[in-house]
Amino acid sequence: MSAEDLEKFETEQELALYREYRDVVGLFSHVVETERRFYLCNDVDLQVRGEGAGVYFDVRMNDAWVWDVYRTARFVKNVRVITFKDVNVEELPPREIELPD
């Protein structure tokens, strides 16, 4: 496999992942972004643990979809992330109007 073939394959995989994201985003109420992954979920619990320089985040999500091109199964029942890095949690607005493709 040439470098060009590999690049084309990766581009096709990323495009397929974006299309899947576009199809499923309306099923979820929250977006969670960590330093390693991007998640869609319907239930998120973010806890700040430790104190001082030892602070870390304990994030638990239920009914999640993971943005990861290398995963074969992106729907996950339960996710737990423990990180010292930033975590961004956003509530998605309800979808009132379906836009045509």
N, C-alpha and C. Protein backbone atom coordinates (compact mmCIF):
# COMPACT_ATOMS: atom_id res chain seq x y z
N MET A 1 0.86 -1.17 0.00
CA MET A 1 0.00 0.00 0.00
C MET A 1 0.90 1.22 0.00
N SER A 2 0.63 2.11 -0.92
CA SER A 2 1.44 3.33 -1.03
C SER A 2 0.98 4.36 0.00
N ALA A 3 1.82 5.36 0.19
CA ALA A 3 1.48 6.45 1.11
C ALA A 3 0.22 7.17 0.63
N GLU A 4 0.08 7.29 -0.67
CA GLU A 4 -1.11 7.96 -1.22
C GLU A 4 -2.36 7.14 -0.95
N ASP A 5 -2.27 5.81 -1.10
CA ASP A 5 -3.41 4.94 -0.79
C ASP A 5 -3.79 5.01 0.67
N LEU A 6 -2.78 5.04 1.53
CA LEU A 6 -3.04 5.13 2.97
C LEU A 6 -3.70 6.45 3.32
N GLU A 7 -3.23 7.54 2.74
CA GLU A 7 -3.83 8.85 2.99
C GLU A 7 -5.27 8.89 2.49
N LYS A 8 -5.53 8.30 1.33
CA LYS A 8 -6.89 8.26 0.80
C LYS A 8 -7.80 7.45 1.72
N PHE A 9 -7.31 6.31 2.21
CA PHE A 9 -8.08 5.47 3.12
C PHE A 9 -8.42 6.23 4.40
N GLU A 10 -7.42 6.91 4.99
CA GLU A 10 -7.66 7.67 6.22
C GLU A 10 -8.66 8.79 5.99
N THR A 11 -8.57 9.45 4.85
CA THR A 11 -9.52 10.52 4.53
C THR A 11 -10.93 9.98 4.41
N GLU A 12 -11.08 8.83 3.76
CA GLU A 12 -12.40 8.21 3.63
C GLU A 12 -12.96 7.79 4.99
N GLN A 13 -12.11 7.28 5.87
CA GLN A 13 -12.53 6.88 7.21
C GLN A 13 -13.00 8.09 8.01
N GLU A 14 -12.26 9.18 7.93
CA GLU A 14 -12.63 10.40 8.66
C GLU A 14 -13.95 10.97 8.13
N LEU A 15 -14.14 10.92 6.82
CA LEU A 15 -15.39 11.40 6.24
C LEU A 15 -16.56 10.53 6.68
N ALA A 16 -16.37 9.23 6.71
CA ALA A 16 -17.42 8.32 7.18
C ALA A 16 -17.75 8.57 8.65
N LEU A 17 -16.72 8.86 9.45
CA LEU A 17 -16.94 9.16 10.87
C LEU A 17 -17.73 10.46 11.02
N TYR A 18 -17.39 11.47 10.25
CA TYR A 18 -18.14 12.73 10.31
C TYR A 18 -19.60 12.50 9.93
N ARG A 19 -19.84 11.71 8.91
CA ARG A 19 -21.22 11.44 8.50
C ARG A 19 -21.98 10.70 9.60
N GLU A 20 -21.30 9.76 10.25
CA GLU A 20 -21.95 9.06 11.37
C GLU A 20 -22.27 10.04 12.49
N TYR A 21 -21.31 10.92 12.81
CA TYR A 21 -21.54 11.95 13.83
C TYR A 21 -22.77 12.78 13.48
N ARG A 22 -22.84 13.22 12.26
CA ARG A 22 -23.97 14.06 11.81
C ARG A 22 -25.30 13.32 11.97
N ASP A 23 -25.28 12.00 11.73
CA ASP A 23 -26.50 11.20 11.84
C ASP A 23 -26.92 10.97 13.29
N VAL A 24 -25.96 10.90 14.23
CA VAL A 24 -26.31 10.53 15.60
C VAL A 24 -26.35 11.70 16.58
N VAL A 25 -25.82 12.85 16.22
CA VAL A 25 -25.73 13.96 17.18
C VAL A 25 -27.08 14.34 17.75
N GLY A 26 -28.15 14.20 16.99
CA GLY A 26 -29.48 14.55 17.48
C GLY A 26 -30.02 13.61 18.54
N LEU A 27 -29.36 12.48 18.74
CA LEU A 27 -29.79 11.52 19.76
C LEU A 27 -29.25 11.84 21.15
N PHE A 28 -28.36 12.82 21.24
CA PHE A 28 -27.65 13.08 22.50
C PHE A 28 -27.88 14.49 23.01
N SER A 29 -27.70 14.66 24.31
CA SER A 29 -27.95 15.96 24.94
C SER A 29 -26.68 16.69 25.34
N HIS A 30 -25.53 16.00 25.39
CA HIS A 30 -24.30 16.63 25.84
C HIS A 30 -23.11 16.27 24.95
N VAL A 31 -22.17 17.20 24.89
CA VAL A 31 -20.87 16.99 24.26
C VAL A 31 -19.84 17.06 25.37
N VAL A 32 -18.93 16.09 25.41
CA VAL A 32 -17.85 16.09 26.38
C VAL A 32 -16.55 15.96 25.60
N GLU A 33 -15.62 16.90 25.86
CA GLU A 33 -14.34 16.88 25.18
C GLU A 33 -13.22 16.78 26.20
N THR A 34 -12.37 15.79 26.03
CA THR A 34 -11.18 15.63 26.87
C THR A 34 -9.96 15.80 25.99
N GLU A 35 -8.77 15.67 26.56
CA GLU A 35 -7.55 15.83 25.77
C GLU A 35 -7.37 14.70 24.76
N ARG A 36 -8.03 13.58 24.98
CA ARG A 36 -7.85 12.42 24.10
C ARG A 36 -9.05 12.07 23.24
N ARG A 37 -10.26 12.42 23.67
CA ARG A 37 -11.45 11.97 22.97
C ARG A 37 -12.53 13.04 22.98
N PHE A 38 -13.51 12.81 22.11
CA PHE A 38 -14.69 13.64 21.98
C PHE A 38 -15.88 12.69 22.10
N TYR A 39 -16.83 13.01 22.97
CA TYR A 39 -17.96 12.13 23.24
C TYR A 39 -19.27 12.88 23.07
N LEU A 40 -20.28 12.16 22.66
CA LEU A 40 -21.67 12.59 22.75
C LEU A 40 -22.31 11.69 23.78
N CYS A 41 -23.14 12.25 24.66
CA CYS A 41 -23.78 11.41 25.68
C CYS A 41 -25.08 12.06 26.14
N ASN A 42 -25.86 11.28 26.88
CA ASN A 42 -27.12 11.78 27.43
C ASN A 42 -27.05 12.00 28.93
N ASP A 43 -26.02 11.50 29.56
CA ASP A 43 -25.87 11.66 31.01
C ASP A 43 -24.39 11.81 31.31
N VAL A 44 -24.03 12.92 31.96
CA VAL A 44 -22.62 13.15 32.30
C VAL A 44 -22.52 13.64 33.74
N ASP A 45 -21.54 13.11 34.46
CA ASP A 45 -21.27 13.51 35.84
C ASP A 45 -19.80 13.87 35.92
N LEU A 46 -19.49 15.14 36.19
CA LEU A 46 -18.12 15.62 36.28
C LEU A 46 -17.82 15.95 37.73
N GLN A 47 -16.84 15.28 38.29
CA GLN A 47 -16.42 15.51 39.67
C GLN A 47 -14.97 15.98 39.70
N VAL A 48 -14.70 17.02 40.48
CA VAL A 48 -13.33 17.50 40.69
C VAL A 48 -12.83 16.83 41.95
N ARG A 49 -11.71 16.14 41.84
CA ARG A 49 -11.14 15.38 42.96
C ARG A 49 -9.78 15.94 43.31
N GLY A 50 -9.34 15.66 44.54
CA GLY A 50 -8.03 16.11 45.00
C GLY A 50 -8.05 17.56 45.41
N GLU A 51 -6.85 18.09 45.66
CA GLU A 51 -6.74 19.51 46.02
C GLU A 51 -5.35 20.02 45.67
N GLY A 52 -5.24 21.34 45.56
CA GLY A 52 -3.97 21.96 45.21
C GLY A 52 -3.48 21.51 43.85
N ALA A 53 -2.20 21.13 43.78
CA ALA A 53 -1.60 20.70 42.52
C ALA A 53 -2.06 19.30 42.12
N GLY A 54 -2.72 18.57 43.03
CA GLY A 54 -3.15 17.22 42.75
C GLY A 54 -4.60 17.10 42.31
N VAL A 55 -5.15 18.18 41.77
CA VAL A 55 -6.55 18.16 41.32
C VAL A 55 -6.65 17.38 40.02
N TYR A 56 -7.69 16.54 39.93
CA TYR A 56 -7.97 15.83 38.69
C TYR A 56 -9.48 15.75 38.51
N PHE A 57 -9.88 15.37 37.30
CA PHE A 57 -11.29 15.30 36.96
C PHE A 57 -11.70 13.85 36.77
N ASP A 58 -12.83 13.51 37.35
CA ASP A 58 -13.42 12.18 37.20
C ASP A 58 -14.74 12.38 36.45
N VAL A 59 -14.77 11.93 35.19
CA VAL A 59 -15.93 12.14 34.33
C VAL A 59 -16.58 10.78 34.06
N ARG A 60 -17.87 10.70 34.32
CA ARG A 60 -18.62 9.48 34.03
C ARG A 60 -19.75 9.83 33.07
N MET A 61 -19.88 9.01 32.04
CA MET A 61 -20.91 9.22 31.03
C MET A 61 -21.68 7.93 30.80
N ASN A 62 -22.95 8.07 30.53
CA ASN A 62 -23.79 6.93 30.18
C ASN A 62 -24.39 7.18 28.80
N ASP A 63 -24.64 6.09 28.10
CA ASP A 63 -25.26 6.17 26.78
C ASP A 63 -24.45 7.10 25.89
N ALA A 64 -23.23 6.70 25.55
CA ALA A 64 -22.29 7.58 24.86
C ALA A 64 -21.94 7.09 23.46
N TRP A 65 -21.49 8.04 22.66
CA TRP A 65 -20.92 7.77 21.34
C TRP A 65 -19.54 8.40 21.34
N VAL A 66 -18.54 7.67 20.88
CA VAL A 66 -17.14 8.12 20.94
C VAL A 66 -16.66 8.48 19.54
N TRP A 67 -16.08 9.68 19.41
CA TRP A 67 -15.48 10.08 18.14
C TRP A 67 -14.09 9.47 18.10
N ASP A 68 -13.95 8.35 17.41
CA ASP A 68 -12.67 7.67 17.29
C ASP A 68 -12.71 6.84 16.01
N VAL A 69 -11.93 7.24 15.04
CA VAL A 69 -11.95 6.60 13.73
C VAL A 69 -11.49 5.15 13.80
N TYR A 70 -10.74 4.77 14.82
CA TYR A 70 -10.19 3.42 14.91
C TYR A 70 -11.07 2.45 15.70
N ARG A 71 -12.14 2.92 16.29
CA ARG A 71 -13.06 2.02 17.03
C ARG A 71 -14.07 1.42 16.07
N THR A 72 -14.32 0.14 16.22
CA THR A 72 -15.35 -0.48 15.39
C THR A 72 -16.72 -0.27 16.00
N ALA A 73 -16.80 -0.20 17.33
CA ALA A 73 -18.07 0.04 18.04
C ALA A 73 -17.95 1.37 18.77
N ARG A 74 -18.63 2.39 18.25
CA ARG A 74 -18.52 3.71 18.86
C ARG A 74 -19.59 3.98 19.91
N PHE A 75 -20.65 3.18 19.96
CA PHE A 75 -21.66 3.35 20.99
C PHE A 75 -21.20 2.59 22.24
N VAL A 76 -21.20 3.29 23.38
CA VAL A 76 -20.70 2.72 24.63
C VAL A 76 -21.74 2.97 25.72
N LYS A 77 -22.03 1.95 26.50
CA LYS A 77 -23.03 2.08 27.57
C LYS A 77 -22.52 2.97 28.71
N ASN A 78 -21.30 2.73 29.17
CA ASN A 78 -20.72 3.52 30.27
C ASN A 78 -19.28 3.88 29.94
N VAL A 79 -18.91 5.13 30.25
CA VAL A 79 -17.55 5.61 30.04
C VAL A 79 -17.09 6.30 31.31
N ARG A 80 -15.85 6.04 31.70
CA ARG A 80 -15.25 6.77 32.82
C ARG A 80 -13.89 7.27 32.37
N VAL A 81 -13.66 8.57 32.54
CA VAL A 81 -12.41 9.20 32.17
C VAL A 81 -11.86 9.88 33.42
N ILE A 82 -10.60 9.60 33.73
CA ILE A 82 -9.91 10.28 34.82
C ILE A 82 -8.73 11.02 34.18
N THR A 83 -8.68 12.33 34.39
CA THR A 83 -7.67 13.13 33.72
C THR A 83 -7.24 14.32 34.57
N PHE A 84 -6.00 14.73 34.37
CA PHE A 84 -5.49 15.95 34.99
C PHE A 84 -5.62 17.14 34.05
N LYS A 85 -6.02 16.87 32.81
CA LYS A 85 -6.15 17.91 31.79
C LYS A 85 -7.56 18.50 31.79
N ASP A 86 -7.76 19.54 31.00
CA ASP A 86 -9.06 20.20 30.91
C ASP A 86 -10.13 19.27 30.36
N VAL A 87 -11.34 19.48 30.84
CA VAL A 87 -12.52 18.77 30.35
C VAL A 87 -13.57 19.82 30.01
N ASN A 88 -14.15 19.70 28.83
CA ASN A 88 -15.19 20.63 28.40
C ASN A 88 -16.51 19.87 28.29
N VAL A 89 -17.54 20.35 28.97
CA VAL A 89 -18.86 19.73 28.92
C VAL A 89 -19.84 20.80 28.44
N GLU A 90 -20.59 20.46 27.39
CA GLU A 90 -21.57 21.38 26.85
C GLU A 90 -22.91 20.67 26.69
N GLU A 91 -23.98 21.39 26.99
CA GLU A 91 -25.31 20.86 26.74
C GLU A 91 -25.72 21.29 25.34
N LEU A 92 -26.14 20.34 24.55
CA LEU A 92 -26.57 20.63 23.19
C LEU A 92 -27.97 21.22 23.20
N PRO A 93 -28.25 22.16 22.31
CA PRO A 93 -29.62 22.68 22.22
C PRO A 93 -30.53 21.60 21.63
N PRO A 94 -31.79 21.61 22.04
CA PRO A 94 -32.71 20.63 21.45
C PRO A 94 -32.88 20.90 19.96
N ARG A 95 -32.98 19.84 19.20
CA ARG A 95 -33.18 19.98 17.76
C ARG A 95 -34.67 20.11 17.49
N GLU A 96 -35.05 21.29 17.05
CA GLU A 96 -36.47 21.54 16.78
C GLU A 96 -36.78 21.37 15.30
N ILE A 97 -35.80 21.64 14.46
CA ILE A 97 -36.01 21.58 13.02
C ILE A 97 -34.98 20.63 12.41
N GLU A 98 -35.44 19.70 11.62
CA GLU A 98 -34.55 18.80 10.89
C GLU A 98 -34.21 19.44 9.56
N LEU A 99 -32.92 19.66 9.32
CA LEU A 99 -32.49 20.22 8.05
C LEU A 99 -32.26 19.09 7.04
N PRO A 100 -32.67 19.29 5.81
CA PRO A 100 -32.42 18.25 4.80
C PRO A 100 -30.94 18.13 4.50
N ASP A 101 -30.51 16.95 4.07
CA ASP A 101 -29.10 16.74 3.71
C ASP A 101 -28.72 17.49 2.46
